[in-house]
C-alpha atoms as a PDB file:
ATOM      1  CA  MET A   1     103.050  83.451 113.387  1.00  0.00           C
ATOM      2  CA  GLU A   2     100.429  85.052 111.072  1.00  0.00           C
ATOM      3  CA  LEU A   3      99.936  88.238 109.409  1.00  0.00           C
ATOM      4  CA  THR A   4      97.211  89.531 106.522  1.00  0.00           C
ATOM      5  CA  VAL A   5      99.268  91.698 104.490  1.00  0.00           C
ATOM      6  CA  ASN A   6      96.890  93.797 101.474  1.00  0.00           C
ATOM      7  CA  GLY A   7      94.598  90.096 101.600  1.00  0.00           C
ATOM      8  CA  GLU A   8      97.204  87.573 101.738  1.00  0.00           C
ATOM      9  CA  ASP A   9      97.959  85.323 104.491  1.00  0.00           C
ATOM     10  CA  ARG A  10     101.613  86.084 105.114  1.00  0.00           C
ATOM     11  CA  GLN A  11     103.805  83.185 107.666  1.00  0.00           C
ATOM     12  CA  VAL A  12     106.533  85.567 109.478  1.00  0.00           C
ATOM     13  CA  ALA A  13     108.470  84.729 111.884  1.00  0.00           C
ATOM     14  CA  ASP A  14     107.743  86.001 115.781  1.00  0.00           C
ATOM     15  CA  GLY A  15     108.587  89.407 116.571  1.00  0.00           C
ATOM     16  CA  THR A  16     108.218  90.419 113.382  1.00  0.00           C
ATOM     17  CA  SER A  17     108.339  94.991 113.115  1.00  0.00           C
ATOM     18  CA  ALA A  18     107.156  96.856 109.739  1.00  0.00           C
ATOM     19  CA  THR A  19     110.646  97.599 109.169  1.00  0.00           C
ATOM     20  CA  THR A  20     111.057  94.126 108.580  1.00  0.00           C
ATOM     21  CA  LEU A  21     108.326  93.482 106.695  1.00  0.00           C
ATOM     22  CA  LEU A  22     108.954  95.888 104.075  1.00  0.00           C
ATOM     23  CA  GLU A  23     112.785  94.499 104.489  1.00  0.00           C
ATOM     24  CA  GLN A  24     111.089  91.334 103.653  1.00  0.00           C
ATOM     25  CA  LEU A  25     108.430  92.411 100.932  1.00  0.00           C
ATOM     26  CA  GLY A  26     111.204  94.225  98.737  1.00  0.00           C
ATOM     27  CA  LEU A  27     109.311  97.602  99.534  1.00  0.00           C
ATOM     28  CA  PRO A  28     111.346 100.673 100.676  1.00  0.00           C
ATOM     29  CA  ASP A  29     111.225 102.142 104.153  1.00  0.00           C
ATOM     30  CA  LYS A  30     110.327 106.479 102.557  1.00  0.00           C
ATOM     31  CA  GLY A  31     107.170 107.041 100.343  1.00  0.00           C
ATOM     32  CA  VAL A  32     105.054 103.673 102.306  1.00  0.00           C
ATOM     33  CA  ALA A  33     102.218 104.089 104.740  1.00  0.00           C
ATOM     34  CA  ILE A  34     101.292 101.324 107.145  1.00  0.00           C
ATOM     35  CA  ALA A  35      97.737 100.777 109.117  1.00  0.00           C
ATOM     36  CA  VAL A  36      97.506  97.721 111.584  1.00  0.00           C
ATOM     37  CA  ASN A  37      94.094  97.006 112.001  1.00  0.00           C
ATOM     38  CA  GLY A  38      93.027  99.758 110.470  1.00  0.00           C
ATOM     39  CA  ALA A  39      94.339 102.538 112.686  1.00  0.00           C
ATOM     40  CA  VAL A  40      97.963 104.242 111.371  1.00  0.00           C
ATOM     41  CA  HIS A  41     101.208 102.786 112.411  1.00  0.00           C
ATOM     42  CA  PRO A  42     103.694 105.751 112.822  1.00  0.00           C
ATOM     43  CA  ARG A  43     106.530 105.399 111.866  1.00  0.00           C
ATOM     44  CA  SER A  44     107.898 105.842 114.922  1.00  0.00           C
ATOM     45  CA  HIS A  45     105.867 102.624 115.885  1.00  0.00           C
ATOM     46  CA  TRP A  46     107.667 100.196 112.577  1.00  0.00           C
ATOM     47  CA  GLY A  47     110.346  99.372 114.749  1.00  0.00           C
ATOM     48  CA  GLU A  48     108.399  97.308 117.660  1.00  0.00           C
ATOM     49  CA  ALA A  49     107.138  93.978 116.699  1.00  0.00           C
ATOM     50  CA  LEU A  50     104.045  93.858 115.378  1.00  0.00           C
ATOM     51  CA  PRO A  51     100.662  91.515 116.518  1.00  0.00           C
ATOM     52  CA  ALA A  52     100.475  88.671 116.030  1.00  0.00           C
ATOM     53  CA  TYR A  53      97.484  87.721 113.097  1.00  0.00           C
ATOM     54  CA  ALA A  54      97.425  91.847 112.492  1.00  0.00           C
ATOM     55  CA  ASP A  55      95.607  92.688 109.535  1.00  0.00           C
ATOM     56  CA  ILE A  56      98.366  95.363 107.756  1.00  0.00           C
ATOM     57  CA  GLU A  57      97.686  97.761 105.082  1.00  0.00           C
ATOM     58  CA  LEU A  58     100.569  98.889 102.700  1.00  0.00           C
ATOM     59  CA  LEU A  59     100.222 101.709 100.615  1.00  0.00           C
ATOM     60  CA  THR A  60     102.689 103.086  98.687  1.00  0.00           C
ATOM     61  CA  ALA A  61     103.074 106.471  97.191  1.00  0.00           C
ATOM     62  CA  VAL A  62     103.167 106.907  93.420  1.00  0.00           C
ATOM     63  CA  GLN A  63     103.795 109.069  90.747  1.00  0.00           C
ATOM     64  CA  GLY A  64     102.107 110.185  87.802  1.00  0.00           C
ATOM     65  CA  GLY A  65      98.554 111.420  87.533  1.00  0.00           C
END
């Protein structure tokens, strides 16, 4: 299925979850916020399949200031 992740089109397997997507991208599962189609995707739903053609925004926390 196709997703747009931070503005970049990506092909992923059908049924890919937020957790799986983070693993594929080499991102940690802590210090990350996920929005799906403009709405916050709660951590309690990260194991569920993402919808095809969804617009995903991944935000990571950074230290410093």
